[in-house]
Each structure stands twice: as C-alpha cells, then as structure tokens.
N, C-alpha and C. Protein backbone atom coordinates (compact mmCIF):
# COMPACT_ATOMS: atom_id res chain seq x y z
N MET A 1 111.52 145.58 76.86
CA MET A 1 112.23 144.10 76.07
C MET A 1 112.71 143.43 77.22
N THR A 2 113.37 144.23 78.16
CA THR A 2 114.16 143.50 79.23
C THR A 2 113.15 142.64 80.02
N ASP A 3 112.08 143.21 80.37
CA ASP A 3 110.87 142.50 81.03
C ASP A 3 110.45 141.35 80.48
N MET A 4 110.79 141.22 79.17
CA MET A 4 110.28 140.07 78.16
C MET A 4 111.21 138.99 78.24
N LYS A 5 112.74 139.44 78.44
CA LYS A 5 113.64 138.65 78.42
C LYS A 5 113.69 137.92 80.02
N SER A 6 113.60 138.72 81.02
CA SER A 6 113.43 138.13 82.29
C SER A 6 112.43 137.40 82.65
N ILE A 7 111.09 137.60 81.99
CA ILE A 7 109.84 136.45 81.84
C ILE A 7 110.09 135.42 81.11
N SER A 8 110.99 135.39 80.23
CA SER A 8 111.25 134.41 79.44
C SER A 8 112.15 133.30 80.27
N GLN A 9 113.09 133.94 80.89
CA GLN A 9 114.34 133.30 81.70
C GLN A 9 113.56 132.61 82.70
N ASN A 10 112.79 133.16 83.68
CA ASN A 10 112.03 132.72 84.57
C ASN A 10 110.98 131.41 84.19
N VAL A 11 110.46 131.51 83.09
CA VAL A 11 109.49 130.59 82.29
C VAL A 11 110.61 129.32 82.14
N GLY A 12 111.56 129.46 81.46
CA GLY A 12 112.51 128.61 81.33
C GLY A 12 113.19 127.95 82.48
N ALA A 13 113.21 128.43 83.47
CA ALA A 13 113.99 127.93 84.69
C ALA A 13 112.65 127.44 85.44
N ALA A 14 111.44 127.84 85.54
CA ALA A 14 110.50 126.97 86.05
C ALA A 14 110.07 125.54 85.22
N ARG A 15 110.06 125.65 83.94
CA ARG A 15 110.05 124.56 83.03
C ARG A 15 110.92 123.36 83.53
N GLN A 16 112.02 123.81 83.74
CA GLN A 16 113.21 122.81 84.19
C GLN A 16 113.03 122.23 85.37
N ASN A 17 112.46 123.27 86.37
CA ASN A 17 112.30 122.76 87.63
C ASN A 17 111.11 121.72 87.65
N ILE A 18 110.00 122.14 86.68
CA ILE A 18 108.83 121.01 86.78
C ILE A 18 109.36 119.50 86.19
N LEU A 19 110.17 119.94 85.23
CA LEU A 19 110.77 118.41 84.73
C LEU A 19 111.56 117.65 85.36
N GLN A 20 112.18 118.10 86.16
CA GLN A 20 112.90 117.74 87.29
C GLN A 20 112.18 116.96 88.33
N ARG A 21 111.19 118.03 88.67
CA ARG A 21 110.34 117.13 89.84
C ARG A 21 109.57 115.74 89.30
N ALA A 22 109.15 115.93 87.92
CA ALA A 22 108.45 114.90 87.11
C ALA A 22 109.37 113.83 87.13
N GLU A 23 110.42 113.80 86.85
CA GLU A 23 111.80 112.70 86.60
C GLU A 23 111.75 112.24 88.10
N ASP A 24 111.71 113.02 89.09
CA ASP A 24 111.85 112.47 90.65
C ASP A 24 110.60 111.55 90.88
N VAL A 25 109.39 112.35 90.40
CA VAL A 25 108.09 111.29 90.85
C VAL A 25 108.06 110.30 90.07
N MET A 26 108.57 110.18 88.78
CA MET A 26 108.47 108.96 88.04
C MET A 26 109.71 108.00 88.35
N GLY A 27 110.69 108.48 89.15
CA GLY A 27 111.52 107.40 89.47
C GLY A 27 112.82 107.39 88.42
N GLN A 28 112.74 108.17 87.43
CA GLN A 28 114.11 108.06 86.57
C GLN A 28 115.34 108.33 87.18
N SER A 29 115.16 109.40 88.12
CA SER A 29 116.41 110.02 88.49
C SER A 29 116.77 109.35 89.97
N GLN A 30 115.93 108.54 90.67
CA GLN A 30 116.09 107.67 91.83
C GLN A 30 116.61 106.40 91.69
N GLY A 31 116.48 105.78 90.47
CA GLY A 31 116.93 104.24 90.62
C GLY A 31 115.92 103.44 91.04
N VAL A 32 114.72 104.02 91.10
CA VAL A 32 113.48 103.07 91.47
C VAL A 32 113.35 101.82 90.48
N THR A 33 112.91 100.58 91.32
CA THR A 33 112.82 99.51 90.58
C THR A 33 111.56 99.47 89.75
N PRO A 34 111.52 98.95 88.39
CA PRO A 34 110.42 98.73 87.49
C PRO A 34 109.45 97.73 88.28
N PHE A 35 108.04 97.95 87.57
CA PHE A 35 107.15 97.08 88.24
C PHE A 35 107.29 95.43 87.96
N SER A 36 108.01 95.31 86.64
CA SER A 36 108.21 94.01 86.16
C SER A 36 109.35 93.35 87.14
N GLU A 37 110.25 93.76 87.77
CA GLU A 37 111.15 93.41 88.78
C GLU A 37 110.45 93.23 89.95
N ARG A 38 109.80 94.02 90.44
CA ARG A 38 109.22 93.71 91.83
C ARG A 38 108.13 92.67 91.91
N MET A 39 107.56 92.52 90.67
CA MET A 39 106.49 91.36 90.71
C MET A 39 106.96 90.22 90.48
N GLY A 40 108.30 90.18 89.69
CA GLY A 40 109.14 88.79 89.64
C GLY A 40 109.83 88.72 91.01
N ASP A 41 110.27 89.52 91.90
CA ASP A 41 110.51 89.43 93.05
C ASP A 41 109.75 88.75 93.95
N ALA A 42 108.49 89.24 93.80
CA ALA A 42 107.28 88.96 94.83
C ALA A 42 107.01 87.41 94.30
N ILE A 43 107.00 87.05 93.29
CA ILE A 43 106.62 85.74 92.63
C ILE A 43 107.73 84.62 93.24
N ARG A 44 108.96 85.09 93.35
CA ARG A 44 110.29 84.24 93.77
C ARG A 44 109.81 84.23 95.17
N ASP A 45 109.44 85.08 95.98
CA ASP A 45 109.45 84.97 97.62
C ASP A 45 108.16 84.27 97.72
N VAL A 46 107.19 84.26 96.91
CA VAL A 46 106.01 83.41 97.02
C VAL A 46 106.54 81.85 97.00
N ALA A 47 107.34 81.70 95.87
CA ALA A 47 107.47 80.31 95.61
C ALA A 47 108.54 80.04 96.84
N ASP A 48 109.46 80.73 96.93
CA ASP A 48 110.27 80.23 98.22
C ASP A 48 109.70 79.84 99.43
N SER A 49 108.41 80.90 99.94
CA SER A 49 107.58 80.51 101.00
C SER A 49 106.99 79.23 100.76
N GLN A 50 106.44 78.93 99.55
CA GLN A 50 105.67 77.52 99.33
C GLN A 50 106.55 76.48 99.45
N LYS A 51 108.14 76.61 99.01
CA LYS A 51 108.94 75.42 99.22
C LYS A 51 109.20 75.21 100.54
N ALA A 52 109.42 76.42 101.51
CA ALA A 52 109.98 76.20 102.74
C ALA A 52 108.79 75.66 103.64
N SER A 53 107.29 75.87 103.12
CA SER A 53 106.25 75.24 103.76
C SER A 53 106.02 73.93 103.57
N ALA A 54 106.41 73.37 102.32
CA ALA A 54 106.35 72.12 101.86
C ALA A 54 107.28 71.29 102.66
N ASP A 55 108.52 71.71 102.58
CA ASP A 55 109.63 71.17 103.24
C ASP A 55 109.59 71.05 104.86
N LEU A 56 108.69 72.11 105.64
CA LEU A 56 108.44 72.06 106.93
C LEU A 56 107.41 70.91 107.10
N ALA A 57 106.08 70.90 106.38
CA ALA A 57 105.45 69.82 106.49
C ALA A 57 105.58 68.27 106.09
N LYS A 58 106.59 68.38 105.26
CA LYS A 58 107.35 66.99 105.16
C LYS A 58 108.07 66.65 106.46
N ALA A 59 108.68 67.49 107.11
CA ALA A 59 109.59 67.31 108.17
C ALA A 59 108.70 66.87 109.25
N TYR A 60 107.51 67.45 109.35
CA TYR A 60 106.70 67.12 110.41
C TYR A 60 105.99 65.73 110.02
N GLU A 61 105.68 65.33 108.74
CA GLU A 61 105.15 64.10 108.57
C GLU A 61 106.30 63.09 108.93
N LEU A 62 107.64 63.32 108.65
CA LEU A 62 108.55 62.25 109.06
C LEU A 62 108.92 62.36 110.26
N GLY A 63 108.43 63.32 111.27
CA GLY A 63 108.83 63.48 112.62
C GLY A 63 110.15 64.12 113.19
N TYR A 64 110.69 64.79 112.13
CA TYR A 64 111.40 65.64 112.33
C TYR A 64 111.28 67.03 113.16
N GLU A 65 110.05 67.48 112.75
CA GLU A 65 109.40 68.58 113.39
C GLU A 65 108.40 68.21 114.18
N ASN A 66 108.34 68.69 115.63
CA ASN A 66 107.37 68.46 116.54
C ASN A 66 106.20 69.72 116.46
N ASP A 67 106.59 70.86 116.23
CA ASP A 67 105.60 71.88 116.23
C ASP A 67 104.66 72.00 115.26
N LEU A 68 103.39 71.68 115.38
CA LEU A 68 102.39 71.71 114.45
C LEU A 68 101.73 73.08 114.02
N SER A 69 101.92 73.91 115.07
CA SER A 69 101.34 75.41 114.86
C SER A 69 102.71 76.17 114.02
N LYS A 70 103.64 75.78 114.22
CA LYS A 70 104.65 76.19 113.03
C LYS A 70 104.60 75.67 111.82
N VAL A 71 104.21 74.39 111.48
CA VAL A 71 103.86 74.19 110.34
C VAL A 71 102.52 74.63 109.59
N MET A 72 101.58 74.78 110.43
CA MET A 72 100.41 75.57 109.90
C MET A 72 100.49 77.04 109.58
N VAL A 73 101.25 77.98 110.82
CA VAL A 73 101.35 79.30 110.20
C VAL A 73 102.41 79.37 109.08
N SER A 74 103.24 78.49 108.67
CA SER A 74 104.05 78.35 107.62
C SER A 74 103.04 78.28 106.14
N GLN A 75 102.08 77.53 106.37
CA GLN A 75 101.15 77.30 105.20
C GLN A 75 100.29 78.18 104.96
N GLN A 76 99.74 78.78 106.06
CA GLN A 76 99.12 80.06 105.97
C GLN A 76 99.84 81.29 105.11
N VAL A 77 101.08 81.57 105.71
CA VAL A 77 101.88 82.67 105.36
C VAL A 77 101.91 82.26 103.76
N SER A 78 102.56 81.26 103.35
CA SER A 78 102.56 81.02 101.66
C SER A 78 101.26 80.97 100.97
N SER A 79 100.15 80.71 101.65
CA SER A 79 98.68 80.81 101.07
C SER A 79 98.62 82.06 100.65
N VAL A 80 98.71 82.87 101.81
CA VAL A 80 98.32 84.42 101.94
C VAL A 80 99.32 85.13 100.76
N GLY A 81 100.27 84.83 100.73
CA GLY A 81 101.56 85.22 99.46
C GLY A 81 100.96 84.94 98.12
N PHE A 82 100.42 83.52 98.00
CA PHE A 82 100.02 83.48 96.67
C PHE A 82 98.72 83.99 96.42
N GLN A 83 98.00 83.89 97.18
CA GLN A 83 96.49 85.06 97.16
C GLN A 83 96.85 86.50 96.72
N LEU A 84 97.68 86.86 97.44
CA LEU A 84 98.01 88.50 97.20
C LEU A 84 98.63 88.55 95.69
N VAL A 85 99.67 87.47 95.37
CA VAL A 85 100.10 87.68 93.86
C VAL A 85 99.10 87.44 92.94
N MET A 86 98.35 86.49 93.24
CA MET A 86 97.27 86.34 92.22
C MET A 86 96.32 87.66 91.98
N ASN A 87 96.01 88.06 93.01
CA ASN A 87 94.89 89.25 92.94
C ASN A 87 95.60 90.39 92.35
N VAL A 88 96.87 90.72 92.42
CA VAL A 88 97.80 91.69 91.81
C VAL A 88 97.73 91.38 90.13
N ARG A 89 97.93 90.02 89.87
CA ARG A 89 98.04 89.50 88.48
C ARG A 89 96.79 89.77 87.97
N ASN A 90 95.45 89.33 88.56
CA ASN A 90 94.22 89.77 88.02
C ASN A 90 94.02 91.40 87.87
N LYS A 91 94.13 92.07 88.84
CA LYS A 91 93.90 93.67 88.62
C LYS A 91 94.88 94.38 87.60
N PHE A 92 96.03 93.37 87.27
CA PHE A 92 97.00 94.14 86.26
C PHE A 92 96.24 93.73 84.80
N LEU A 93 95.84 92.37 84.57
CA LEU A 93 95.09 92.05 83.83
C LEU A 93 93.90 92.44 83.42
N SER A 94 93.04 92.90 84.11
CA SER A 94 91.79 93.64 84.01
C SER A 94 92.20 95.03 83.69
N ALA A 95 93.17 96.10 84.38
CA ALA A 95 93.46 97.20 83.84
C ALA A 95 94.11 96.87 82.40
N TYR A 96 94.93 96.22 82.00
CA TYR A 96 95.24 95.94 80.62
C TYR A 96 94.13 95.53 79.63
N LYS A 97 93.16 94.95 79.98
CA LYS A 97 91.93 94.59 79.01
C LYS A 97 91.17 95.98 78.99
N ASP A 98 90.85 96.51 79.89
CA ASP A 98 90.43 98.04 80.01
C ASP A 98 91.12 98.74 78.90
N ILE A 99 92.32 98.95 78.98
CA ILE A 99 93.25 99.94 78.45
C ILE A 99 92.93 99.36 76.78
N MET A 100 93.09 98.01 76.36
CA MET A 100 93.11 97.80 75.10
C MET A 100 91.67 97.66 74.83
N ASN A 101 90.83 97.79 75.46
CA ASN A 101 89.27 97.83 74.85
C ASN A 101 88.71 99.43 74.72
N THR A 102 89.54 100.23 75.05
CA THR A 102 89.47 101.54 75.14
C THR A 102 89.33 102.24 73.67
N PRO A 103 88.34 102.81 73.31
CA PRO A 103 87.99 103.28 71.76
C PRO A 103 89.14 104.43 71.67
N VAL A 104 89.93 104.45 70.44
CA VAL A 104 90.58 105.46 70.34
C VAL A 104 90.10 106.74 69.42
C-alpha cells in the first residue's frame, strides 16, 4: 500500500510540474502581452512611421530638408511596415476563416 501512496504522490507532483511548465509556455505567469496588444502596437508604430514619412516629404517639398535619400528611405520604411502589418492581418483572417469553416 505504501508503494501506491508514493506513486500517487509522485504522479501528483509530476502533474503540478507539468501544469507549471504549461503556464510558463503559455505566458500566463510571465506577463507576456497578448496578440491583440502587440498588433495594436504594431499598427500604431506603422501609423507613426507613415506620419513621420509624410512630414519629412512635406519638409523636402518646402525646402526645409535637403537630403532626398533620407526622405526616400523613410518612405520605404513606412511602406515595408504597412505591408508587414497587412500580411499579418491577412494571415490572421485566413486562419480565422479556416477555423470557422472546420466541421464540428
């Protein structure tokens, strides 16, 4: 009987260890930011980049900025950021549609 009791205690301890590891992986105990917050931050960063790029282009057109390469690089950075966010959104929507169309 004592063997059964020690086995039960070992199984209980192993279960707790597995649950703790699962929580760590899922980020519940580490304070990891959720996907929605990360996506919102990315969208805000892209919007800020686009605004800075537009301001820099306007400054170049008005003659306040003389470095055309700086303006062009700024526009390319904002364009790449926008494309990245759009691709992530499209992949997310595609995955959502696949999940919703899965027969239960």
